[in-house]
Amino acid sequence: MTNVYFGFPLKPELHHQLASLIARIQQNSAAHGLNQDAGEVITGLLDVAIQTLYYNAMDAVPTHPGTRKSADAGISTVVKGAQFVIQKMANSLDPNDLLVFANYMQTLVILQDGQHYLAYPLTSDQKIALEQVIQRIQTDANTDAYNHLIIDVLCSIADQAIKYFYDTPTRMIKIRTLIRKSADLAVRSVCKGLHFVIRQLFRRTRQKELMMFSDYLQQQLVYC
């Protein structure tokens, strides 16, 4: 059976940075400067994730300017906090933890049709729900009847991203208690912010807007 992943397309320069970092860590995880470089790369990946899950979604589904301004400000604040904590976390990793991190990140890089993605697997329920929502958008103009389904599946996909890009890797490595607590709080704030924005965006929509958004969603799916 084909596995379905939700992926963030990586620009060539960011993919090169990530691949180079992984190779350097695997060659000598105790080399000078790797912690700082890891922090910078992870921050770049976070930026891509937020661009994909938030900004691209906001652009695909027009919303009231006041709502957009407020949402942008909220997301910007929590992302800055997350970036700060990521840097502290990366700087605290010992060589063995860096190697664990590198090996794990390598499993999340998937190549499809010449494009590299940082992608995570969807569960069978998420796959079915997403496919049903996309089909509904294509055929049902009464968006009030299924806006809640769109919200549910998008929040679930966002939670899945947190699981694979934060919860799983950080539980594989040793992190000082205070840093972990700060990181947990920052990531949960990002997740809550994404949920809030998703609910605001999709509680009232038109099929025309959703058709554009469903095309965008399909572009993020990776099959392997």
C-alpha atoms as a PDB file:
ATOM      1  CA  MET A   1       0.000   0.000   0.000  1.00  0.00           C
ATOM      2  CA  THR A   2       1.258   3.470  -0.873  1.00  0.00           C
ATOM      3  CA  ASN A   3       2.176   5.601   2.125  1.00  0.00           C
ATOM      4  CA  VAL A   4       0.985   9.202   2.114  1.00  0.00           C
ATOM      5  CA  TYR A   5       3.120  11.953   3.609  1.00  0.00           C
ATOM      6  CA  PHE A   6       2.414  15.632   4.129  1.00  0.00           C
ATOM      7  CA  GLY A   7       5.507  17.496   3.080  1.00  0.00           C
ATOM      8  CA  PHE A   8       7.166  20.868   3.101  1.00  0.00           C
ATOM      9  CA  PRO A   9       9.039  21.421  -0.181  1.00  0.00           C
ATOM     10  CA  LEU A  10      12.634  22.436   0.489  1.00  0.00           C
ATOM     11  CA  LYS A  11      14.403  24.997  -1.647  1.00  0.00           C
ATOM     12  CA  PRO A  12      17.675  23.621  -3.041  1.00  0.00           C
ATOM     13  CA  GLU A  13      19.826  25.780  -0.784  1.00  0.00           C
ATOM     14  CA  LEU A  14      17.994  24.692   2.385  1.00  0.00           C
ATOM     15  CA  HIS A  15      18.093  21.038   1.348  1.00  0.00           C
ATOM     16  CA  HIS A  16      21.838  21.393   0.700  1.00  0.00           C
ATOM     17  CA  GLN A  17      22.309  22.931   4.162  1.00  0.00           C
ATOM     18  CA  LEU A  18      20.385  20.091   5.793  1.00  0.00           C
ATOM     19  CA  ALA A  19      22.103  17.323   3.815  1.00  0.00           C
ATOM     20  CA  SER A  20      25.525  18.855   4.490  1.00  0.00           C
ATOM     21  CA  LEU A  21      24.804  19.171   8.210  1.00  0.00           C
ATOM     22  CA  ILE A  22      23.633  15.550   8.446  1.00  0.00           C
ATOM     23  CA  ALA A  23      26.742  14.307   6.598  1.00  0.00           C
ATOM     24  CA  ARG A  24      29.093  16.342   8.792  1.00  0.00           C
ATOM     25  CA  ILE A  25      27.464  15.125  11.997  1.00  0.00           C
ATOM     26  CA  GLN A  26      27.578  11.514  10.808  1.00  0.00           C
ATOM     27  CA  GLN A  27      31.267  11.874   9.954  1.00  0.00           C
ATOM     28  CA  ASN A  28      32.288  13.504  13.255  1.00  0.00           C
ATOM     29  CA  SER A  29      29.552  14.553  15.662  1.00  0.00           C
ATOM     30  CA  ALA A  30      32.109  16.154  17.985  1.00  0.00           C
ATOM     31  CA  ALA A  31      33.372  18.634  15.373  1.00  0.00           C
ATOM     32  CA  HIS A  32      33.398  22.300  16.332  1.00  0.00           C
ATOM     33  CA  GLY A  33      30.450  24.454  15.272  1.00  0.00           C
ATOM     34  CA  LEU A  34      27.923  21.703  14.607  1.00  0.00           C
ATOM     35  CA  ASN A  35      25.591  22.765  17.415  1.00  0.00           C
ATOM     36  CA  GLN A  36      25.283  26.291  16.093  1.00  0.00           C
ATOM     37  CA  ASP A  37      24.815  25.058  12.544  1.00  0.00           C
ATOM     38  CA  ALA A  38      22.135  22.605  13.709  1.00  0.00           C
ATOM     39  CA  GLY A  39      20.249  25.439  15.400  1.00  0.00           C
ATOM     40  CA  GLU A  40      20.355  27.545  12.254  1.00  0.00           C
ATOM     41  CA  VAL A  41      19.171  24.700  10.018  1.00  0.00           C
ATOM     42  CA  ILE A  42      16.331  23.717  12.373  1.00  0.00           C
ATOM     43  CA  THR A  43      15.233  27.351  12.516  1.00  0.00           C
ATOM     44  CA  GLY A  44      15.186  27.411   8.720  1.00  0.00           C
ATOM     45  CA  LEU A  45      13.061  24.271   8.660  1.00  0.00           C
ATOM     46  CA  LEU A  46      10.654  25.817  11.180  1.00  0.00           C
ATOM     47  CA  ASP A  47      10.317  28.839   8.914  1.00  0.00           C
ATOM     48  CA  VAL A  48       9.404  26.544   6.004  1.00  0.00           C
ATOM     49  CA  ALA A  49       6.852  24.689   8.130  1.00  0.00           C
ATOM     50  CA  ILE A  50       5.169  27.901   9.275  1.00  0.00           C
ATOM     51  CA  GLN A  51       5.203  29.245   5.722  1.00  0.00           C
ATOM     52  CA  THR A  52       3.491  26.075   4.515  1.00  0.00           C
ATOM     53  CA  LEU A  53       1.023  25.523   7.352  1.00  0.00           C
ATOM     54  CA  TYR A  54       0.185  29.167   8.001  1.00  0.00           C
ATOM     55  CA  TYR A  55       1.140  31.815   5.458  1.00  0.00           C
ATOM     56  CA  ASN A  56       0.371  29.767   2.352  1.00  0.00           C
ATOM     57  CA  ALA A  57      -2.968  28.780   3.853  1.00  0.00           C
ATOM     58  CA  MET A  58      -3.757  32.414   4.657  1.00  0.00           C
ATOM     59  CA  ASP A  59      -2.900  33.427   1.102  1.00  0.00           C
ATOM     60  CA  ALA A  60      -5.021  30.634  -0.376  1.00  0.00           C
ATOM     61  CA  VAL A  61      -8.114  31.487   1.669  1.00  0.00           C
ATOM     62  CA  PRO A  62      -8.760  35.260   1.713  1.00  0.00           C
ATOM     63  CA  THR A  63      -9.824  36.589   5.096  1.00  0.00           C
ATOM     64  CA  HIS A  64     -10.727  39.936   6.672  1.00  0.00           C
ATOM     65  CA  PRO A  65      -7.698  42.294   6.810  1.00  0.00           C
ATOM     66  CA  GLY A  66      -8.162  42.864  10.533  1.00  0.00           C
ATOM     67  CA  THR A  67      -8.227  39.133  11.257  1.00  0.00           C
ATOM     68  CA  ARG A  68      -5.180  38.621   9.051  1.00  0.00           C
ATOM     69  CA  LYS A  69      -3.196  41.355  10.793  1.00  0.00           C
ATOM     70  CA  SER A  70      -4.027  39.993  14.246  1.00  0.00           C
ATOM     71  CA  ALA A  71      -3.229  36.404  13.237  1.00  0.00           C
ATOM     72  CA  ASP A  72       0.077  37.420  11.615  1.00  0.00           C
ATOM     73  CA  ALA A  73       1.140  39.258  14.760  1.00  0.00           C
ATOM     74  CA  GLY A  74       0.260  36.290  16.976  1.00  0.00           C
ATOM     75  CA  ILE A  75       2.060  33.744  14.817  1.00  0.00           C
ATOM     76  CA  SER A  76       5.114  35.981  14.501  1.00  0.00           C
ATOM     77  CA  THR A  77       5.388  36.302  18.288  1.00  0.00           C
ATOM     78  CA  VAL A  78       5.161  32.581  19.045  1.00  0.00           C
ATOM     79  CA  VAL A  79       7.524  31.659  16.201  1.00  0.00           C
ATOM     80  CA  LYS A  80      10.181  34.067  17.484  1.00  0.00           C
ATOM     81  CA  GLY A  81       9.881  32.426  20.893  1.00  0.00           C
ATOM     82  CA  ALA A  82      10.208  28.973  19.347  1.00  0.00           C
ATOM     83  CA  GLN A  83      13.269  30.026  17.346  1.00  0.00           C
ATOM     84  CA  PHE A  84      14.999  31.288  20.489  1.00  0.00           C
ATOM     85  CA  VAL A  85      14.328  28.037  22.340  1.00  0.00           C
ATOM     86  CA  ILE A  86      15.482  25.942  19.365  1.00  0.00           C
ATOM     87  CA  GLN A  87      18.836  27.693  19.388  1.00  0.00           C
ATOM     88  CA  LYS A  88      19.252  27.031  23.122  1.00  0.00           C
ATOM     89  CA  MET A  89      18.251  23.398  22.673  1.00  0.00           C
ATOM     90  CA  ALA A  90      20.648  22.824  19.770  1.00  0.00           C
ATOM     91  CA  ASN A  91      23.526  24.378  21.699  1.00  0.00           C
ATOM     92  CA  SER A  92      22.928  21.978  24.606  1.00  0.00           C
ATOM     93  CA  LEU A  93      23.191  18.740  22.581  1.00  0.00           C
ATOM     94  CA  ASP A  94      26.208  16.504  23.122  1.00  0.00           C
ATOM     95  CA  PRO A  95      27.866  14.690  20.166  1.00  0.00           C
ATOM     96  CA  ASN A  96      25.827  11.493  20.647  1.00  0.00           C
ATOM     97  CA  ASP A  97      22.550  13.422  20.695  1.00  0.00           C
ATOM     98  CA  LEU A  98      23.593  15.328  17.586  1.00  0.00           C
ATOM     99  CA  LEU A  99      24.134  12.013  15.824  1.00  0.00           C
ATOM    100  CA  VAL A 100      20.712  10.737  16.908  1.00  0.00           C
ATOM    101  CA  PHE A 101      19.177  13.964  15.638  1.00  0.00           C
ATOM    102  CA  ALA A 102      20.965  13.734  12.286  1.00  0.00           C
ATOM    103  CA  ASN A 103      19.987  10.126  11.692  1.00  0.00           C
ATOM    104  CA  TYR A 104      16.361  10.884  12.525  1.00  0.00           C
ATOM    105  CA  MET A 105      16.166  13.955  10.309  1.00  0.00           C
ATOM    106  CA  GLN A 106      17.550  11.929   7.420  1.00  0.00           C
ATOM    107  CA  THR A 107      14.471   9.675   7.575  1.00  0.00           C
ATOM    108  CA  LEU A 108      12.169  12.665   7.053  1.00  0.00           C
ATOM    109  CA  VAL A 109      13.738  13.848   3.777  1.00  0.00           C
ATOM    110  CA  ILE A 110      11.852  12.400   0.808  1.00  0.00           C
ATOM    111  CA  LEU A 111      12.498  12.904  -2.895  1.00  0.00           C
ATOM    112  CA  GLN A 112       9.506  13.042  -5.244  1.00  0.00           C
ATOM    113  CA  ASP A 113       9.664  14.078  -8.905  1.00  0.00           C
ATOM    114  CA  GLY A 114      12.990  15.840  -8.416  1.00  0.00           C
ATOM    115  CA  GLN A 115      11.747  17.863  -5.411  1.00  0.00           C
ATOM    116  CA  HIS A 116      13.026  17.253  -1.894  1.00  0.00           C
ATOM    117  CA  TYR A 117      10.460  17.430   0.883  1.00  0.00           C
ATOM    118  CA  LEU A 118      10.717  17.394   4.626  1.00  0.00           C
ATOM    119  CA  ALA A 119       7.703  15.139   5.119  1.00  0.00           C
ATOM    120  CA  TYR A 120       5.933  13.141   7.769  1.00  0.00           C
ATOM    121  CA  PRO A 121       3.493  10.240   7.367  1.00  0.00           C
ATOM    122  CA  LEU A 122      -0.242  10.631   7.734  1.00  0.00           C
ATOM    123  CA  THR A 123      -2.208   7.963   9.541  1.00  0.00           C
ATOM    124  CA  SER A 124      -4.720   5.953   7.523  1.00  0.00           C
ATOM    125  CA  ASP A 125      -7.552   7.917   9.175  1.00  0.00           C
ATOM    126  CA  GLN A 126      -5.905  11.250   8.323  1.00  0.00           C
ATOM    127  CA  LYS A 127      -5.317  10.114   4.739  1.00  0.00           C
ATOM    128  CA  ILE A 128      -8.960   9.087   4.311  1.00  0.00           C
ATOM    129  CA  ALA A 129     -10.273  12.253   5.986  1.00  0.00           C
ATOM    130  CA  LEU A 130      -8.079  14.495   3.836  1.00  0.00           C
ATOM    131  CA  GLU A 131      -9.058  12.743   0.620  1.00  0.00           C
ATOM    132  CA  GLN A 132     -12.740  12.986   1.562  1.00  0.00           C
ATOM    133  CA  VAL A 133     -12.434  16.688   2.315  1.00  0.00           C
ATOM    134  CA  ILE A 134     -10.691  17.369  -0.996  1.00  0.00           C
ATOM    135  CA  GLN A 135     -13.392  15.412  -2.838  1.00  0.00           C
ATOM    136  CA  ARG A 136     -16.129  17.297  -0.979  1.00  0.00           C
ATOM    137  CA  ILE A 137     -14.597  20.621  -1.923  1.00  0.00           C
ATOM    138  CA  GLN A 138     -14.604  19.641  -5.580  1.00  0.00           C
ATOM    139  CA  THR A 139     -18.267  18.583  -5.616  1.00  0.00           C
ATOM    140  CA  ASP A 140     -20.228  20.369  -2.861  1.00  0.00           C
ATOM    141  CA  ALA A 141     -20.932  24.098  -3.012  1.00  0.00           C
ATOM    142  CA  ASN A 142     -22.597  24.071   0.430  1.00  0.00           C
ATOM    143  CA  THR A 143     -19.423  24.732   2.377  1.00  0.00           C
ATOM    144  CA  ASP A 144     -21.324  25.363   5.627  1.00  0.00           C
ATOM    145  CA  ALA A 145     -22.052  21.631   5.704  1.00  0.00           C
ATOM    146  CA  TYR A 146     -18.404  20.583   5.883  1.00  0.00           C
ATOM    147  CA  ASN A 147     -16.286  23.511   7.076  1.00  0.00           C
ATOM    148  CA  HIS A 148     -15.958  21.692  10.412  1.00  0.00           C
ATOM    149  CA  LEU A 149     -14.476  18.673   8.632  1.00  0.00           C
ATOM    150  CA  ILE A 150     -11.817  20.842   7.015  1.00  0.00           C
ATOM    151  CA  ILE A 151     -10.936  22.338  10.400  1.00  0.00           C
ATOM    152  CA  ASP A 152     -10.702  18.908  12.015  1.00  0.00           C
ATOM    153  CA  VAL A 153      -8.387  17.406   9.387  1.00  0.00           C
ATOM    154  CA  LEU A 154      -6.113  20.454   9.190  1.00  0.00           C
ATOM    155  CA  CYS A 155      -5.740  20.636  12.977  1.00  0.00           C
ATOM    156  CA  SER A 156      -4.958  16.912  12.969  1.00  0.00           C
ATOM    157  CA  ILE A 157      -2.286  17.394  10.291  1.00  0.00           C
ATOM    158  CA  ALA A 158      -0.748  20.245  12.294  1.00  0.00           C
ATOM    159  CA  ASP A 159      -0.668  18.041  15.404  1.00  0.00           C
ATOM    160  CA  GLN A 160       0.996  15.295  13.363  1.00  0.00           C
ATOM    161  CA  ALA A 161       3.695  17.771  12.339  1.00  0.00           C
ATOM    162  CA  ILE A 162       4.383  18.571  15.986  1.00  0.00           C
ATOM    163  CA  LYS A 163       4.616  14.838  16.723  1.00  0.00           C
ATOM    164  CA  TYR A 164       7.190  14.089  14.035  1.00  0.00           C
ATOM    165  CA  PHE A 165       9.182  17.321  14.005  1.00  0.00           C
ATOM    166  CA  TYR A 166       9.308  17.962  17.744  1.00  0.00           C
ATOM    167  CA  ASP A 167       7.885  15.343  20.113  1.00  0.00           C
ATOM    168  CA  THR A 168       9.555  12.282  18.571  1.00  0.00           C
ATOM    169  CA  PRO A 169      13.086  13.637  18.044  1.00  0.00           C
ATOM    170  CA  THR A 170      13.278  15.509  21.354  1.00  0.00           C
ATOM    171  CA  ARG A 171      12.248  12.395  23.262  1.00  0.00           C
ATOM    172  CA  MET A 172      15.157  10.519  21.652  1.00  0.00           C
ATOM    173  CA  ILE A 173      17.801  12.859  23.068  1.00  0.00           C
ATOM    174  CA  LYS A 174      18.800  14.244  26.459  1.00  0.00           C
ATOM    175  CA  ILE A 175      17.761  17.853  27.076  1.00  0.00           C
ATOM    176  CA  ARG A 176      18.128  19.804  30.300  1.00  0.00           C
ATOM    177  CA  THR A 177      14.838  20.055  32.184  1.00  0.00           C
ATOM    178  CA  LEU A 178      14.475  23.836  32.033  1.00  0.00           C
ATOM    179  CA  ILE A 179      15.269  23.948  28.326  1.00  0.00           C
ATOM    180  CA  ARG A 180      12.782  21.156  27.628  1.00  0.00           C
ATOM    181  CA  LYS A 181      10.043  22.923  29.586  1.00  0.00           C
ATOM    182  CA  SER A 182      10.687  26.158  27.681  1.00  0.00           C
ATOM    183  CA  ALA A 183      10.720  24.305  24.370  1.00  0.00           C
ATOM    184  CA  ASP A 184       7.528  22.411  25.172  1.00  0.00           C
ATOM    185  CA  LEU A 185       5.782  25.662  26.033  1.00  0.00           C
ATOM    186  CA  ALA A 186       6.992  27.410  22.869  1.00  0.00           C
ATOM    187  CA  VAL A 187       5.933  24.547  20.600  1.00  0.00           C
ATOM    188  CA  ARG A 188       2.526  24.226  22.265  1.00  0.00           C
ATOM    189  CA  SER A 189       2.025  27.952  21.751  1.00  0.00           C
ATOM    190  CA  VAL A 190       2.784  27.547  18.045  1.00  0.00           C
ATOM    191  CA  CYS A 191       0.333  24.644  17.845  1.00  0.00           C
ATOM    192  CA  LYS A 192      -2.421  26.573  19.618  1.00  0.00           C
ATOM    193  CA  GLY A 193      -1.799  29.509  17.300  1.00  0.00           C
ATOM    194  CA  LEU A 194      -2.146  27.287  14.240  1.00  0.00           C
ATOM    195  CA  HIS A 195      -5.379  25.782  15.560  1.00  0.00           C
ATOM    196  CA  PHE A 196      -6.798  29.249  16.207  1.00  0.00           C
ATOM    197  CA  VAL A 197      -5.918  30.443  12.716  1.00  0.00           C
ATOM    198  CA  ILE A 198      -7.348  27.306  11.092  1.00  0.00           C
ATOM    199  CA  ARG A 199     -10.647  27.771  12.928  1.00  0.00           C
ATOM    200  CA  GLN A 200     -10.783  31.450  11.973  1.00  0.00           C
ATOM    201  CA  LEU A 201     -10.006  30.754   8.322  1.00  0.00           C
ATOM    202  CA  PHE A 202     -12.380  27.893   7.661  1.00  0.00           C
ATOM    203  CA  ARG A 203     -15.454  28.529   9.763  1.00  0.00           C
ATOM    204  CA  ARG A 204     -16.938  30.492   6.848  1.00  0.00           C
ATOM    205  CA  THR A 205     -15.664  29.861   3.343  1.00  0.00           C
ATOM    206  CA  ARG A 206     -16.784  29.785  -0.262  1.00  0.00           C
ATOM    207  CA  GLN A 207     -16.238  26.915  -2.642  1.00  0.00           C
ATOM    208  CA  LYS A 208     -14.225  29.113  -5.013  1.00  0.00           C
ATOM    209  CA  GLU A 209     -11.693  29.844  -2.283  1.00  0.00           C
ATOM    210  CA  LEU A 210     -11.636  26.234  -1.128  1.00  0.00           C
ATOM    211  CA  MET A 211     -10.962  24.974  -4.647  1.00  0.00           C
ATOM    212  CA  MET A 212      -7.744  27.024  -4.641  1.00  0.00           C
ATOM    213  CA  PHE A 213      -6.869  25.694  -1.212  1.00  0.00           C
ATOM    214  CA  SER A 214      -7.515  22.062  -2.147  1.00  0.00           C
ATOM    215  CA  ASP A 215      -5.107  22.437  -5.077  1.00  0.00           C
ATOM    216  CA  TYR A 216      -2.520  23.749  -2.626  1.00  0.00           C
ATOM    217  CA  LEU A 217      -3.118  20.823  -0.262  1.00  0.00           C
ATOM    218  CA  GLN A 218      -2.651  18.271  -3.028  1.00  0.00           C
ATOM    219  CA  GLN A 219       0.714  19.826  -3.890  1.00  0.00           C
ATOM    220  CA  GLN A 220       1.932  19.079  -0.343  1.00  0.00           C
ATOM    221  CA  LEU A 221       1.147  15.357  -0.490  1.00  0.00           C
ATOM    222  CA  VAL A 222       4.054  12.983  -1.064  1.00  0.00           C
ATOM    223  CA  TYR A 223       3.484   9.356  -2.041  1.00  0.00           C
ATOM    224  CA  CYS A 224       6.048   6.602  -1.544  1.00  0.00           C
END
